[in-house]
Amino acid sequence: MIFIFWLLYIVNIFSIFYLSILLFSYLFIKEKTYPIINIQKSFKLAVLIPAHNEELYIERCLNSLERASKSGNLVKFYVIADNCTDNTTDLASKCGADVIVRSDTIKKVRDML
């Protein structure tokens, strides 16, 4: 019986100590504040479009993506022309995308060893 009394007494002391630490931290420790960032000015999205002889579909793809973005200058489109032999690069640049041309005569296919 005395053992249970002392056990409850010790548990009570620890709980009072724990609650006092919580109260102290609530009253005296200030919460960190972070500056609000204007997302409209700082956020940009780059859309990478791989293309290999996509002359028939590249204009439609870029126009569709441009309409879907609705954000104007926050989205930048890049077309990676992979060994194109047709008019894909000209059509993509005409639509306003930045074109990165890859013309590798040794490795025609990217998975080739």
PDB file of N, CA and C in Angstrom:
ATOM      1  N   MET A   1       0.817  -1.186   0.000  1.00  0.00           N
ATOM      2  CA  MET A   1       0.000   0.000   0.000  1.00  0.00           C
ATOM      3  C   MET A   1       0.871   1.266   0.000  1.00  0.00           C
ATOM      4  N   ILE A   2       1.907   1.258   0.779  1.00  0.00           N
ATOM      5  CA  ILE A   2       2.798   2.413   0.835  1.00  0.00           C
ATOM      6  C   ILE A   2       3.560   2.556  -0.483  1.00  0.00           C
ATOM      7  N   PHE A   3       3.895   1.449  -1.090  1.00  0.00           N
ATOM      8  CA  PHE A   3       4.588   1.491  -2.385  1.00  0.00           C
ATOM      9  C   PHE A   3       3.730   2.196  -3.435  1.00  0.00           C
ATOM     10  N   ILE A   4       2.458   1.896  -3.499  1.00  0.00           N
ATOM     11  CA  ILE A   4       1.545   2.532  -4.453  1.00  0.00           C
ATOM     12  C   ILE A   4       1.434   4.021  -4.160  1.00  0.00           C
ATOM     13  N   PHE A   5       1.371   4.389  -2.887  1.00  0.00           N
ATOM     14  CA  PHE A   5       1.310   5.803  -2.519  1.00  0.00           C
ATOM     15  C   PHE A   5       2.533   6.551  -3.038  1.00  0.00           C
ATOM     16  N   TRP A   6       3.740   6.009  -2.814  1.00  0.00           N
ATOM     17  CA  TRP A   6       4.961   6.671  -3.273  1.00  0.00           C
ATOM     18  C   TRP A   6       5.051   6.696  -4.798  1.00  0.00           C
ATOM     19  N   LEU A   7       4.593   5.667  -5.436  1.00  0.00           N
ATOM     20  CA  LEU A   7       4.589   5.636  -6.904  1.00  0.00           C
ATOM     21  C   LEU A   7       3.680   6.724  -7.469  1.00  0.00           C
ATOM     22  N   LEU A   8       2.492   6.868  -6.904  1.00  0.00           N
ATOM     23  CA  LEU A   8       1.579   7.932  -7.350  1.00  0.00           C
ATOM     24  C   LEU A   8       2.150   9.315  -7.038  1.00  0.00           C
ATOM     25  N   TYR A   9       2.819   9.445  -5.918  1.00  0.00           N
ATOM     26  CA  TYR A   9       3.442  10.707  -5.534  1.00  0.00           C
ATOM     27  C   TYR A   9       4.525  11.106  -6.546  1.00  0.00           C
ATOM     28  N   ILE A  10       5.364  10.170  -6.956  1.00  0.00           N
ATOM     29  CA  ILE A  10       6.430  10.442  -7.927  1.00  0.00           C
ATOM     30  C   ILE A  10       5.839  10.774  -9.299  1.00  0.00           C
ATOM     31  N   VAL A  11       4.822  10.039  -9.707  1.00  0.00           N
ATOM     32  CA  VAL A  11       4.167  10.319 -10.990  1.00  0.00           C
ATOM     33  C   VAL A  11       3.552  11.707 -10.968  1.00  0.00           C
ATOM     34  N   ASN A  12       2.951  12.097  -9.835  1.00  0.00           N
ATOM     35  CA  ASN A  12       2.350  13.412  -9.713  1.00  0.00           C
ATOM     36  C   ASN A  12       3.409  14.514  -9.809  1.00  0.00           C
ATOM     37  N   ILE A  13       4.543  14.321  -9.196  1.00  0.00           N
ATOM     38  CA  ILE A  13       5.622  15.317  -9.262  1.00  0.00           C
ATOM     39  C   ILE A  13       6.125  15.472 -10.700  1.00  0.00           C
ATOM     40  N   PHE A  14       6.315  14.360 -11.387  1.00  0.00           N
ATOM     41  CA  PHE A  14       6.761  14.440 -12.784  1.00  0.00           C
ATOM     42  C   PHE A  14       5.719  15.094 -13.684  1.00  0.00           C
ATOM     43  N   SER A  15       4.465  14.843 -13.453  1.00  0.00           N
ATOM     44  CA  SER A  15       3.427  15.464 -14.290  1.00  0.00           C
ATOM     45  C   SER A  15       3.360  16.966 -14.040  1.00  0.00           C
ATOM     46  N   ILE A  16       3.523  17.393 -12.784  1.00  0.00           N
ATOM     47  CA  ILE A  16       3.549  18.831 -12.487  1.00  0.00           C
ATOM     48  C   ILE A  16       4.766  19.478 -13.147  1.00  0.00           C
ATOM     49  N   PHE A  17       5.901  18.819 -13.095  1.00  0.00           N
ATOM     50  CA  PHE A  17       7.107  19.329 -13.737  1.00  0.00           C
ATOM     51  C   PHE A  17       6.909  19.449 -15.249  1.00  0.00           C
ATOM     52  N   TYR A  18       6.323  18.434 -15.854  1.00  0.00           N
ATOM     53  CA  TYR A  18       6.078  18.444 -17.312  1.00  0.00           C
ATOM     54  C   TYR A  18       5.105  19.562 -17.692  1.00  0.00           C
ATOM     55  N   LEU A  19       4.033  19.718 -16.934  1.00  0.00           N
ATOM     56  CA  LEU A  19       3.067  20.777 -17.230  1.00  0.00           C
ATOM     57  C   LEU A  19       3.663  22.165 -17.032  1.00  0.00           C
ATOM     58  N   SER A  20       4.549  22.323 -16.071  1.00  0.00           N
ATOM     59  CA  SER A  20       5.199  23.621 -15.882  1.00  0.00           C
ATOM     60  C   SER A  20       6.131  23.955 -17.043  1.00  0.00           C
ATOM     61  N   ILE A  21       6.800  22.954 -17.598  1.00  0.00           N
ATOM     62  CA  ILE A  21       7.643  23.186 -18.782  1.00  0.00           C
ATOM     63  C   ILE A  21       6.780  23.588 -19.967  1.00  0.00           C
ATOM     64  N   LEU A  22       5.655  22.930 -20.149  1.00  0.00           N
ATOM     65  CA  LEU A  22       4.749  23.299 -21.241  1.00  0.00           C
ATOM     66  C   LEU A  22       4.215  24.716 -21.081  1.00  0.00           C
ATOM     67  N   LEU A  23       3.846  25.079 -19.870  1.00  0.00           N
ATOM     68  CA  LEU A  23       3.347  26.425 -19.602  1.00  0.00           C
ATOM     69  C   LEU A  23       4.433  27.467 -19.858  1.00  0.00           C
ATOM     70  N   PHE A  24       5.645  27.209 -19.411  1.00  0.00           N
ATOM     71  CA  PHE A  24       6.761  28.123 -19.643  1.00  0.00           C
ATOM     72  C   PHE A  24       7.014  28.319 -21.138  1.00  0.00           C
ATOM     73  N   SER A  25       7.024  27.219 -21.895  1.00  0.00           N
ATOM     74  CA  SER A  25       7.279  27.331 -23.331  1.00  0.00           C
ATOM     75  C   SER A  25       6.145  28.055 -24.043  1.00  0.00           C
ATOM     76  N   TYR A  26       4.932  27.888 -23.583  1.00  0.00           N
ATOM     77  CA  TYR A  26       3.800  28.584 -24.201  1.00  0.00           C
ATOM     78  C   TYR A  26       3.865  30.084 -23.939  1.00  0.00           C
ATOM     79  N   LEU A  27       4.271  30.471 -22.742  1.00  0.00           N
ATOM     80  CA  LEU A  27       4.258  31.886 -22.376  1.00  0.00           C
ATOM     81  C   LEU A  27       5.475  32.665 -22.842  1.00  0.00           C
ATOM     82  N   PHE A  28       6.640  32.027 -22.881  1.00  0.00           N
ATOM     83  CA  PHE A  28       7.860  32.789 -23.087  1.00  0.00           C
ATOM     84  C   PHE A  28       8.615  32.507 -24.382  1.00  0.00           C
ATOM     85  N   ILE A  29       8.322  31.450 -25.053  1.00  0.00           N
ATOM     86  CA  ILE A  29       9.029  31.156 -26.300  1.00  0.00           C
ATOM     87  C   ILE A  29       8.172  31.632 -27.455  1.00  0.00           C
ATOM     88  N   LYS A  30       8.735  32.535 -28.236  1.00  0.00           N
ATOM     89  CA  LYS A  30       8.008  33.128 -29.356  1.00  0.00           C
ATOM     90  C   LYS A  30       8.022  32.203 -30.556  1.00  0.00           C
ATOM     91  N   GLU A  31       6.961  32.255 -31.297  1.00  0.00           N
ATOM     92  CA  GLU A  31       6.844  31.444 -32.499  1.00  0.00           C
ATOM     93  C   GLU A  31       7.606  32.115 -33.635  1.00  0.00           C
ATOM     94  N   LYS A  32       8.283  31.331 -34.440  1.00  0.00           N
ATOM     95  CA  LYS A  32       9.027  31.887 -35.567  1.00  0.00           C
ATOM     96  C   LYS A  32       8.049  32.331 -36.645  1.00  0.00           C
ATOM     97  N   THR A  33       8.321  33.474 -37.214  1.00  0.00           N
ATOM     98  CA  THR A  33       7.506  33.950 -38.329  1.00  0.00           C
ATOM     99  C   THR A  33       8.380  33.962 -39.575  1.00  0.00           C
ATOM    100  N   TYR A  34       7.811  33.578 -40.665  1.00  0.00           N
ATOM    101  CA  TYR A  34       8.522  33.519 -41.936  1.00  0.00           C
ATOM    102  C   TYR A  34       7.920  34.546 -42.886  1.00  0.00           C
ATOM    103  N   PRO A  35       8.761  35.194 -43.680  1.00  0.00           N
ATOM    104  CA  PRO A  35       8.218  36.195 -44.609  1.00  0.00           C
ATOM    105  C   PRO A  35       7.358  35.527 -45.685  1.00  0.00           C
ATOM    106  N   ILE A  36       6.322  36.226 -46.065  1.00  0.00           N
ATOM    107  CA  ILE A  36       5.432  35.720 -47.104  1.00  0.00           C
ATOM    108  C   ILE A  36       6.056  36.046 -48.455  1.00  0.00           C
ATOM    109  N   ILE A  37       6.187  35.034 -49.284  1.00  0.00           N
ATOM    110  CA  ILE A  37       6.792  35.199 -50.601  1.00  0.00           C
ATOM    111  C   ILE A  37       5.678  35.378 -51.617  1.00  0.00           C
ATOM    112  N   ASN A  38       5.846  36.362 -52.455  1.00  0.00           N
ATOM    113  CA  ASN A  38       4.860  36.568 -53.517  1.00  0.00           C
ATOM    114  C   ASN A  38       5.122  35.543 -54.609  1.00  0.00           C
ATOM    115  N   ILE A  39       4.270  34.550 -54.674  1.00  0.00           N
ATOM    116  CA  ILE A  39       4.478  33.425 -55.596  1.00  0.00           C
ATOM    117  C   ILE A  39       4.373  33.871 -57.047  1.00  0.00           C
ATOM    118  N   GLN A  40       3.575  34.873 -57.323  1.00  0.00           N
ATOM    119  CA  GLN A  40       3.383  35.303 -58.704  1.00  0.00           C
ATOM    120  C   GLN A  40       4.689  35.815 -59.326  1.00  0.00           C
ATOM    121  N   LYS A  41       5.564  36.389 -58.522  1.00  0.00           N
ATOM    122  CA  LYS A  41       6.798  36.938 -59.073  1.00  0.00           C
ATOM    123  C   LYS A  41       7.964  35.961 -59.030  1.00  0.00           C
ATOM    124  N   SER A  42       7.963  35.022 -58.110  1.00  0.00           N
ATOM    125  CA  SER A  42       9.145  34.204 -57.931  1.00  0.00           C
ATOM    126  C   SER A  42       9.032  32.793 -58.501  1.00  0.00           C
ATOM    127  N   PHE A  43       7.859  32.329 -58.807  1.00  0.00           N
ATOM    128  CA  PHE A  43       7.680  30.944 -59.232  1.00  0.00           C
ATOM    129  C   PHE A  43       7.660  30.867 -60.751  1.00  0.00           C
ATOM    130  N   LYS A  44       8.473  29.979 -61.305  1.00  0.00           N
ATOM    131  CA  LYS A  44       8.465  29.728 -62.745  1.00  0.00           C
ATOM    132  C   LYS A  44       8.457  28.232 -62.979  1.00  0.00           C
ATOM    133  N   LEU A  45       7.842  27.839 -64.059  1.00  0.00           N
ATOM    134  CA  LEU A  45       7.717  26.434 -64.385  1.00  0.00           C
ATOM    135  C   LEU A  45       8.305  26.211 -65.768  1.00  0.00           C
ATOM    136  N   ALA A  46       9.160  25.210 -65.886  1.00  0.00           N
ATOM    137  CA  ALA A  46       9.744  24.845 -67.172  1.00  0.00           C
ATOM    138  C   ALA A  46       9.103  23.538 -67.624  1.00  0.00           C
ATOM    139  N   VAL A  47       8.571  23.552 -68.843  1.00  0.00           N
ATOM    140  CA  VAL A  47       7.960  22.361 -69.421  1.00  0.00           C
ATOM    141  C   VAL A  47       8.896  21.856 -70.514  1.00  0.00           C
ATOM    142  N   LEU A  48       9.399  20.630 -70.339  1.00  0.00           N
ATOM    143  CA  LEU A  48      10.309  20.021 -71.303  1.00  0.00           C
ATOM    144  C   LEU A  48       9.519  19.069 -72.192  1.00  0.00           C
ATOM    145  N   ILE A  49       9.618  19.274 -73.510  1.00  0.00           N
ATOM    146  CA  ILE A  49       8.885  18.449 -74.463  1.00  0.00           C
ATOM    147  C   ILE A  49       9.892  17.753 -75.361  1.00  0.00           C
ATOM    148  N   PRO A  50      10.086  16.450 -75.188  1.00  0.00           N
ATOM    149  CA  PRO A  50      10.979  15.724 -76.103  1.00  0.00           C
ATOM    150  C   PRO A  50      10.273  15.497 -77.429  1.00  0.00           C
ATOM    151  N   ALA A  51      11.017  15.655 -78.523  1.00  0.00           N
ATOM    152  CA  ALA A  51      10.404  15.504 -79.843  1.00  0.00           C
ATOM    153  C   ALA A  51      11.396  14.875 -80.809  1.00  0.00           C
ATOM    154  N   HIS A  52      10.889  13.945 -81.587  1.00  0.00           N
ATOM    155  CA  HIS A  52      11.660  13.338 -82.675  1.00  0.00           C
ATOM    156  C   HIS A  52      10.743  13.237 -83.886  1.00  0.00           C
ATOM    157  N   ASN A  53      10.975  14.107 -84.858  1.00  0.00           N
ATOM    158  CA  ASN A  53      10.156  14.170 -86.072  1.00  0.00           C
ATOM    159  C   ASN A  53       8.665  14.280 -85.739  1.00  0.00           C
ATOM    160  N   GLU A  54       8.326  15.322 -84.999  1.00  0.00           N
ATOM    161  CA  GLU A  54       6.943  15.559 -84.574  1.00  0.00           C
ATOM    162  C   GLU A  54       6.333  16.747 -85.314  1.00  0.00           C
ATOM    163  N   GLU A  55       6.629  16.870 -86.572  1.00  0.00           N
ATOM    164  CA  GLU A  55       6.161  17.999 -87.359  1.00  0.00           C
ATOM    165  C   GLU A  55       4.636  18.105 -87.387  1.00  0.00           C
ATOM    166  N   LEU A  56       3.965  16.993 -87.380  1.00  0.00           N
ATOM    167  CA  LEU A  56       2.503  17.000 -87.480  1.00  0.00           C
ATOM    168  C   LEU A  56       1.826  17.430 -86.181  1.00  0.00           C
ATOM    169  N   TYR A  57       2.475  17.225 -85.034  1.00  0.00           N
ATOM    170  CA  TYR A  57       1.789  17.426 -83.764  1.00  0.00           C
ATOM    171  C   TYR A  57       2.376  18.505 -82.857  1.00  0.00           C
ATOM    172  N   ILE A  58       3.548  19.029 -83.172  1.00  0.00           N
ATOM    173  CA  ILE A  58       4.229  19.923 -82.235  1.00  0.00           C
ATOM    174  C   ILE A  58       3.496  21.259 -82.068  1.00  0.00           C
ATOM    175  N   GLU A  59       2.952  21.796 -83.149  1.00  0.00           N
ATOM    176  CA  GLU A  59       2.213  23.059 -83.053  1.00  0.00           C
ATOM    177  C   GLU A  59       0.971  22.890 -82.187  1.00  0.00           C
ATOM    178  N   ARG A  60       0.252  21.833 -82.431  1.00  0.00           N
ATOM    179  CA  ARG A  60      -0.968  21.564 -81.671  1.00  0.00           C
ATOM    180  C   ARG A  60      -0.651  21.357 -80.187  1.00  0.00           C
ATOM    181  N   CYS A  61       0.427  20.649 -79.917  1.00  0.00           N
ATOM    182  CA  CYS A  61       0.838  20.404 -78.532  1.00  0.00           C
ATOM    183  C   CYS A  61       1.199  21.705 -77.822  1.00  0.00           C
ATOM    184  N   LEU A  62       2.006  22.538 -78.452  1.00  0.00           N
ATOM    185  CA  LEU A  62       2.434  23.789 -77.829  1.00  0.00           C
ATOM    186  C   LEU A  62       1.278  24.765 -77.654  1.00  0.00           C
ATOM    187  N   ASN A  63       0.394  24.846 -78.637  1.00  0.00           N
ATOM    188  CA  ASN A  63      -0.764  25.731 -78.511  1.00  0.00           C
ATOM    189  C   ASN A  63      -1.693  25.268 -77.392  1.00  0.00           C
ATOM    190  N   SER A  64      -1.865  23.977 -77.269  1.00  0.00           N
ATOM    191  CA  SER A  64      -2.695  23.430 -76.204  1.00  0.00           C
ATOM    192  C   SER A  64      -2.095  23.703 -74.826  1.00  0.00           C
ATOM    193  N   LEU A  65      -0.788  23.525 -74.700  1.00  0.00           N
ATOM    194  CA  LEU A  65      -0.119  23.805 -73.424  1.00  0.00           C
ATOM    195  C   LEU A  65      -0.167  25.292 -73.085  1.00  0.00           C
ATOM    196  N   GLU A  66      -0.038  26.132 -74.062  1.00  0.00           N
ATOM    197  CA  GLU A  66      -0.095  27.575 -73.835  1.00  0.00           C
ATOM    198  C   GLU A  66      -1.482  27.996 -73.354  1.00  0.00           C
ATOM    199  N   ARG A  67      -2.516  27.433 -73.959  1.00  0.00           N
ATOM    200  CA  ARG A  67      -3.884  27.740 -73.511  1.00  0.00           C
ATOM    201  C   ARG A  67      -4.145  27.199 -72.106  1.00  0.00           C
ATOM    202  N   ALA A  68      -3.596  26.040 -71.798  1.00  0.00           N
ATOM    203  CA  ALA A  68      -3.839  25.420 -70.494  1.00  0.00           C
ATOM    204  C   ALA A  68      -3.104  26.136 -69.363  1.00  0.00           C
ATOM    205  N   SER A  69      -1.977  26.760 -69.669  1.00  0.00           N
ATOM    206  CA  SER A  69      -1.189  27.380 -68.599  1.00  0.00           C
ATOM    207  C   SER A  69      -1.855  28.647 -68.072  1.00  0.00           C
ATOM    208  N   LYS A  70      -2.393  29.494 -68.931  1.00  0.00           N
ATOM    209  CA  LYS A  70      -3.109  30.718 -68.554  1.00  0.00           C
ATOM    210  C   LYS A  70      -2.309  31.643 -67.658  1.00  0.00           C
ATOM    211  N   SER A  71      -1.012  31.484 -67.586  1.00  0.00           N
ATOM    212  CA  SER A  71      -0.239  32.324 -66.672  1.00  0.00           C
ATOM    213  C   SER A  71       0.774  33.200 -67.389  1.00  0.00           C
ATOM    214  N   GLY A  72       0.805  33.148 -68.677  1.00  0.00           N
ATOM    215  CA  GLY A  72       1.668  34.049 -69.425  1.00  0.00           C
ATOM    216  C   GLY A  72       3.141  33.774 -69.253  1.00  0.00           C
ATOM    217  N   ASN A  73       3.837  34.658 -68.548  1.00  0.00           N
ATOM    218  CA  ASN A  73       5.291  34.578 -68.465  1.00  0.00           C
ATOM    219  C   ASN A  73       5.800  33.666 -67.361  1.00  0.00           C
ATOM    220  N   LEU A  74       4.932  32.980 -66.623  1.00  0.00           N
ATOM    221  CA  LEU A  74       5.398  32.112 -65.551  1.00  0.00           C
ATOM    222  C   LEU A  74       5.765  30.714 -66.046  1.00  0.00           C
ATOM    223  N   VAL A  75       5.353  30.372 -67.261  1.00  0.00           N
ATOM    224  CA  VAL A  75       5.638  29.049 -67.812  1.00  0.00           C
ATOM    225  C   VAL A  75       6.533  29.219 -69.024  1.00  0.00           C
ATOM    226  N   LYS A  76       7.597  28.429 -69.072  1.00  0.00           N
ATOM    227  CA  LYS A  76       8.541  28.453 -70.188  1.00  0.00           C
ATOM    228  C   LYS A  76       8.552  27.074 -70.824  1.00  0.00           C
ATOM    229  N   PHE A  77       8.417  27.032 -72.145  1.00  0.00           N
ATOM    230  CA  PHE A  77       8.375  25.767 -72.869  1.00  0.00           C
ATOM    231  C   PHE A  77       9.698  25.535 -73.591  1.00  0.00           C
ATOM    232  N   TYR A  78      10.223  24.322 -73.427  1.00  0.00           N
ATOM    233  CA  TYR A  78      11.452  23.915 -74.096  1.00  0.00           C
ATOM    234  C   TYR A  78      11.151  22.660 -74.906  1.00  0.00           C
ATOM    235  N   VAL A  79      11.502  22.690 -76.177  1.00  0.00           N
ATOM    236  CA  VAL A  79      11.366  21.516 -77.038  1.00  0.00           C
ATOM    237  C   VAL A  79      12.760  20.971 -77.283  1.00  0.00           C
ATOM    238  N   ILE A  80      12.957  19.711 -76.940  1.00  0.00           N
ATOM    239  CA  ILE A  80      14.235  19.057 -77.185  1.00  0.00           C
ATOM    240  C   ILE A  80      14.091  18.244 -78.454  1.00  0.00           C
ATOM    241  N   ALA A  81      14.640  18.755 -79.534  1.00  0.00           N
ATOM    242  CA  ALA A  81      14.546  18.097 -80.834  1.00  0.00           C
ATOM    243  C   ALA A  81      15.659  17.067 -80.947  1.00  0.00           C
ATOM    244  N   ASP A  82      15.278  15.813 -80.910  1.00  0.00           N
ATOM    245  CA  ASP A  82      16.229  14.701 -80.871  1.00  0.00           C
ATOM    246  C   ASP A  82      16.433  14.137 -82.274  1.00  0.00           C
ATOM    247  N   ASN A  83      17.511  14.569 -82.929  1.00  0.00           N
ATOM    248  CA  ASN A  83      17.857  14.100 -84.278  1.00  0.00           C
ATOM    249  C   ASN A  83      16.697  14.234 -85.261  1.00  0.00           C
ATOM    250  N   CYS A  84      16.050  15.382 -85.256  1.00  0.00           N
ATOM    251  CA  CYS A  84      14.909  15.605 -86.147  1.00  0.00           C
ATOM    252  C   CYS A  84      15.385  15.842 -87.575  1.00  0.00           C
ATOM    253  N   THR A  85      14.691  15.229 -88.516  1.00  0.00           N
ATOM    254  CA  THR A  85      15.005  15.419 -89.930  1.00  0.00           C
ATOM    255  C   THR A  85      13.893  16.167 -90.649  1.00  0.00           C
ATOM    256  N   ASP A  86      12.856  16.556 -89.920  1.00  0.00           N
ATOM    257  CA  ASP A  86      11.753  17.286 -90.536  1.00  0.00           C
ATOM    258  C   ASP A  86      11.754  18.734 -90.040  1.00  0.00           C
ATOM    259  N   ASN A  87      10.633  19.381 -90.076  1.00  0.00           N
ATOM    260  CA  ASN A  87      10.498  20.799 -89.778  1.00  0.00           C
ATOM    261  C   ASN A  87      10.096  21.054 -88.319  1.00  0.00           C
ATOM    262  N   THR A  88      10.370  20.137 -87.415  1.00  0.00           N
ATOM    263  CA  THR A  88       9.929  20.258 -86.018  1.00  0.00           C
ATOM    264  C   THR A  88      10.535  21.474 -85.333  1.00  0.00           C
ATOM    265  N   THR A  89      11.817  21.711 -85.529  1.00  0.00           N
ATOM    266  CA  THR A  89      12.483  22.820 -84.833  1.00  0.00           C
ATOM    267  C   THR A  89      11.939  24.173 -85.264  1.00  0.00           C
ATOM    268  N   ASP A  90      11.691  24.347 -86.552  1.00  0.00           N
ATOM    269  CA  ASP A  90      11.159  25.623 -87.043  1.00  0.00           C
ATOM    270  C   ASP A  90       9.747  25.878 -86.525  1.00  0.00           C
ATOM    271  N   LEU A  91       8.916  24.849 -86.528  1.00  0.00           N
ATOM    272  CA  LEU A  91       7.549  25.012 -86.047  1.00  0.00           C
ATOM    273  C   LEU A  91       7.501  25.293 -84.550  1.00  0.00           C
ATOM    274  N   ALA A  92       8.365  24.650 -83.786  1.00  0.00           N
ATOM    275  CA  ALA A  92       8.394  24.870 -82.342  1.00  0.00           C
ATOM    276  C   ALA A  92       8.870  26.277 -82.005  1.00  0.00           C
ATOM    277  N   SER A  93       9.882  26.749 -82.699  1.00  0.00           N
ATOM    278  CA  SER A  93      10.360  28.113 -82.436  1.00  0.00           C
ATOM    279  C   SER A  93       9.342  29.148 -82.903  1.00  0.00           C
ATOM    280  N   LYS A  94       8.580  28.830 -83.943  1.00  0.00           N
ATOM    281  CA  LYS A  94       7.527  29.736 -84.412  1.00  0.00           C
ATOM    282  C   LYS A  94       6.415  29.863 -83.366  1.00  0.00           C
ATOM    283  N   CYS A  95       6.185  28.797 -82.600  1.00  0.00           N
ATOM    284  CA  CYS A  95       5.154  28.823 -81.543  1.00  0.00           C
ATOM    285  C   CYS A  95       5.644  29.494 -80.266  1.00  0.00           C
ATOM    286  N   GLY A  96       6.897  29.866 -80.198  1.00  0.00           N
ATOM    287  CA  GLY A  96       7.408  30.590 -79.044  1.00  0.00           C
ATOM    288  C   GLY A  96       8.190  29.745 -78.051  1.00  0.00           C
ATOM    289  N   ALA A  97       8.416  28.497 -78.366  1.00  0.00           N
ATOM    290  CA  ALA A  97       9.180  27.643 -77.456  1.00  0.00           C
ATOM    291  C   ALA A  97      10.672  27.789 -77.732  1.00  0.00           C
ATOM    292  N   ASP A  98      11.467  27.595 -76.701  1.00  0.00           N
ATOM    293  CA  ASP A  98      12.911  27.530 -76.879  1.00  0.00           C
ATOM    294  C   ASP A  98      13.253  26.126 -77.353  1.00  0.00           C
ATOM    295  N   VAL A  99      14.049  26.040 -78.409  1.00  0.00           N
ATOM    296  CA  VAL A  99      14.358  24.746 -79.019  1.00  0.00           C
ATOM    297  C   VAL A  99      15.803  24.374 -78.706  1.00  0.00           C
ATOM    298  N   ILE A 100      15.976  23.176 -78.186  1.00  0.00           N
ATOM    299  CA  ILE A 100      17.304  22.617 -77.932  1.00  0.00           C
ATOM    300  C   ILE A 100      17.475  21.469 -78.923  1.00  0.00           C
ATOM    301  N   VAL A 101      18.450  21.606 -79.802  1.00  0.00           N
ATOM    302  CA  VAL A 101      18.641  20.630 -80.868  1.00  0.00           C
ATOM    303  C   VAL A 101      19.718  19.636 -80.463  1.00  0.00           C
ATOM    304  N   ARG A 102      19.388  18.369 -80.574  1.00  0.00           N
ATOM    305  CA  ARG A 102      20.371  17.295 -80.351  1.00  0.00           C
ATOM    306  C   ARG A 102      20.568  16.608 -81.688  1.00  0.00           C
ATOM    307  N   SER A 103      21.765  16.720 -82.207  1.00  0.00           N
ATOM    308  CA  SER A 103      22.075  16.062 -83.484  1.00  0.00           C
ATOM    309  C   SER A 103      23.334  15.237 -83.295  1.00  0.00           C
ATOM    310  N   ASP A 104      23.131  14.008 -82.922  1.00  0.00           N
ATOM    311  CA  ASP A 104      24.222  13.087 -82.667  1.00  0.00           C
ATOM    312  C   ASP A 104      24.260  12.075 -83.808  1.00  0.00           C
ATOM    313  N   THR A 105      25.298  12.128 -84.615  1.00  0.00           N
ATOM    314  CA  THR A 105      25.374  11.224 -85.765  1.00  0.00           C
ATOM    315  C   THR A 105      25.823   9.824 -85.377  1.00  0.00           C
ATOM    316  N   ILE A 106      26.490   9.700 -84.223  1.00  0.00           N
ATOM    317  CA  ILE A 106      26.972   8.384 -83.809  1.00  0.00           C
ATOM    318  C   ILE A 106      25.867   7.608 -83.106  1.00  0.00           C
ATOM    319  N   LYS A 107      25.247   8.227 -82.125  1.00  0.00           N
ATOM    320  CA  LYS A 107      24.177   7.565 -81.373  1.00  0.00           C
ATOM    321  C   LYS A 107      22.848   8.130 -81.852  1.00  0.00           C
ATOM    322  N   LYS A 108      22.253   7.535 -82.821  1.00  0.00           N
ATOM    323  CA  LYS A 108      20.974   8.011 -83.339  1.00  0.00           C
ATOM    324  C   LYS A 108      19.845   7.754 -82.366  1.00  0.00           C
ATOM    325  N   VAL A 109      19.928   6.632 -81.660  1.00  0.00           N
ATOM    326  CA  VAL A 109      18.906   6.288 -80.670  1.00  0.00           C
ATOM    327  C   VAL A 109      19.524   6.481 -79.294  1.00  0.00           C
ATOM    328  N   ARG A 110      18.782   7.073 -78.362  1.00  0.00           N
ATOM    329  CA  ARG A 110      19.358   7.411 -77.059  1.00  0.00           C
ATOM    330  C   ARG A 110      19.696   6.199 -76.213  1.00  0.00           C
ATOM    331  N   ASP A 111      19.046   5.051 -76.414  1.00  0.00           N
ATOM    332  CA  ASP A 111      19.319   3.874 -75.605  1.00  0.00           C
ATOM    333  C   ASP A 111      20.399   2.974 -76.215  1.00  0.00           C
ATOM    334  N   MET A 112      20.943   3.382 -77.305  1.00  0.00           N
ATOM    335  CA  MET A 112      21.933   2.565 -77.983  1.00  0.00           C
ATOM    336  C   MET A 112      23.288   2.642 -77.272  1.00  0.00           C
ATOM    337  N   LEU A 113      23.951   1.544 -77.098  1.00  0.00           N
ATOM    338  CA  LEU A 113      25.261   1.560 -76.435  1.00  0.00           C
ATOM    339  C   LEU A 113      26.351   1.722 -77.400  1.00  0.00           C
TER     340      LEU A 113
END
